Amino acid sequence: MFRRTFWFTTGVAAGVWATTKVNRKLRQLTPESLAAQAANKAIDVGHRLKDRARDFALDVRAGMAQREAELGDALGLNAPVDQLPGPRRYAVIENRNSPKHVETTTYSYNRNEDH
């Protein structure tokens, strides 16, 4: 008699456990539950994309600051105040059609000067 009671109780417990598992799975597969799961996943993806975009923006800003410092050094903008950058050199383009020694006349552009 105890044997039958043991197996009956074991069967009932297994049935309750299986029924509970199946009901949970069926609730997860309802349209409302699937929609809620999809919305939660979309929100998670949105948060991940937002984090990646923020990281990208920080990387771009760091690169811009580094390049700005390099350009400042190259142009002498980051030199100490007591030390001025050297004179700039300009490229001179020679006009091959003009004579080499041309005497130039100086013109006065002072309007108050007598003519």
Protein backbone atom coordinates (compact mmCIF):
# COMPACT_ATOMS: atom_id res chain seq x y z
CA MET A 1 0.00 0.00 0.00
CA PHE A 2 2.86 2.35 0.79
CA ARG A 3 4.37 1.60 -2.57
CA ARG A 4 1.26 2.62 -4.40
CA THR A 5 0.98 5.80 -2.37
CA PHE A 6 4.62 6.66 -3.10
CA TRP A 7 4.23 6.20 -6.84
CA PHE A 8 0.90 7.99 -6.88
CA THR A 9 2.45 10.99 -5.08
CA THR A 10 5.47 10.92 -7.40
CA GLY A 11 3.17 10.91 -10.46
CA VAL A 12 1.10 13.78 -9.13
CA ALA A 13 4.24 15.83 -8.39
CA ALA A 14 5.64 15.13 -11.87
CA GLY A 15 2.31 16.07 -13.43
CA VAL A 16 2.14 19.35 -11.50
CA TRP A 17 5.74 20.16 -12.40
CA ALA A 18 5.19 19.39 -16.12
CA THR A 19 1.93 21.33 -16.20
CA THR A 20 3.59 24.35 -14.59
CA LYS A 21 6.47 24.24 -17.09
CA VAL A 22 4.14 23.97 -20.08
CA ASN A 23 1.91 26.81 -18.84
CA ARG A 24 4.94 29.08 -18.36
CA LYS A 25 6.16 28.31 -21.86
CA LEU A 26 2.70 28.95 -23.32
CA ARG A 27 2.52 32.31 -21.52
CA GLN A 28 5.90 33.24 -23.01
CA LEU A 29 4.60 32.48 -26.50
CA THR A 30 1.48 34.66 -26.36
CA PRO A 31 1.46 37.65 -28.75
CA GLU A 32 1.52 40.13 -25.86
CA SER A 33 4.51 38.45 -24.26
CA LEU A 34 6.37 38.24 -27.59
CA ALA A 35 5.69 41.93 -28.22
CA ALA A 36 6.99 42.84 -24.76
CA GLN A 37 10.13 40.74 -25.31
CA ALA A 38 10.73 42.39 -28.69
CA ALA A 39 10.29 45.86 -27.15
CA ASN A 40 12.73 45.05 -24.35
CA LYS A 41 15.31 43.79 -26.85
CA ALA A 42 14.86 46.90 -28.99
CA ILE A 43 15.41 49.11 -25.96
CA ASP A 44 18.57 47.15 -25.08
CA VAL A 45 19.88 47.51 -28.64
CA GLY A 46 19.11 51.24 -28.53
CA HIS A 47 21.08 51.62 -25.30
CA ARG A 48 24.03 49.72 -26.78
CA LEU A 49 23.99 51.87 -29.92
CA LYS A 50 23.81 55.02 -27.81
CA ASP A 51 26.83 53.87 -25.80
CA ARG A 52 28.79 53.07 -28.96
CA ALA A 53 27.90 56.43 -30.50
CA ARG A 54 29.04 58.20 -27.32
CA ASP A 55 32.32 56.25 -27.36
CA PHE A 56 32.81 57.11 -31.03
CA ALA A 57 32.19 60.81 -30.34
CA LEU A 58 34.71 60.74 -27.49
CA ASP A 59 37.29 59.08 -29.76
CA VAL A 60 36.70 61.69 -32.46
CA ARG A 61 37.08 64.53 -29.95
CA ALA A 62 40.31 63.03 -28.61
CA GLY A 63 41.65 62.70 -32.16
CA MET A 64 40.66 66.28 -32.95
CA ALA A 65 42.43 67.57 -29.83
CA GLN A 66 45.55 65.59 -30.68
CA ARG A 67 45.59 66.85 -34.27
CA GLU A 68 44.95 70.42 -33.12
CA ALA A 69 47.93 70.16 -30.78
CA GLU A 70 50.09 68.82 -33.62
CA LEU A 71 49.05 71.67 -35.89
CA GLY A 72 49.61 74.19 -33.10
CA ASP A 73 53.13 72.88 -32.63
CA ALA A 74 53.81 72.93 -36.36
CA LEU A 75 52.58 76.52 -36.71
CA GLY A 76 54.23 77.73 -33.53
CA LEU A 77 50.98 78.55 -31.79
CA ASN A 78 51.90 76.56 -28.70
CA ALA A 79 55.25 78.33 -28.20
CA PRO A 80 55.89 80.01 -24.85
CA VAL A 81 54.92 83.67 -24.66
CA ASP A 82 58.51 84.91 -24.23
CA GLN A 83 59.60 83.07 -27.37
CA LEU A 84 58.07 84.10 -30.67
CA PRO A 85 58.05 81.84 -33.72
CA GLY A 86 60.62 82.51 -36.43
CA PRO A 87 59.81 84.53 -39.52
CA ARG A 88 57.78 82.82 -42.18
CA ARG A 89 59.31 82.17 -45.54
CA TYR A 90 57.30 82.87 -48.63
CA ALA A 91 57.87 81.25 -51.98
CA VAL A 92 58.88 83.76 -54.64
CA ILE A 93 57.76 83.09 -58.17
CA GLU A 94 60.00 84.64 -60.75
CA ASN A 95 58.38 86.16 -63.82
CA ARG A 96 60.55 85.02 -66.72
CA ASN A 97 59.08 87.59 -69.11
CA SER A 98 60.27 90.62 -67.18
CA PRO A 99 63.83 92.00 -67.31
CA LYS A 100 66.02 91.12 -64.35
CA HIS A 101 67.14 94.66 -63.49
CA VAL A 102 64.23 96.99 -63.75
CA GLU A 103 64.46 100.40 -62.22
CA THR A 104 61.31 101.13 -60.38
CA THR A 105 59.95 104.59 -59.92
CA THR A 106 58.67 105.41 -56.52
CA TYR A 107 55.28 106.97 -56.41
CA SER A 108 54.03 108.89 -53.51
CA TYR A 109 50.48 108.10 -52.56
CA ASN A 110 50.23 110.90 -50.05
CA ARG A 111 47.22 113.00 -51.03
CA ASN A 112 48.44 115.95 -49.01
CA GLU A 113 51.67 116.23 -50.97
CA ASP A 114 51.91 118.88 -53.67
CA HIS A 115 52.02 117.52 -57.16
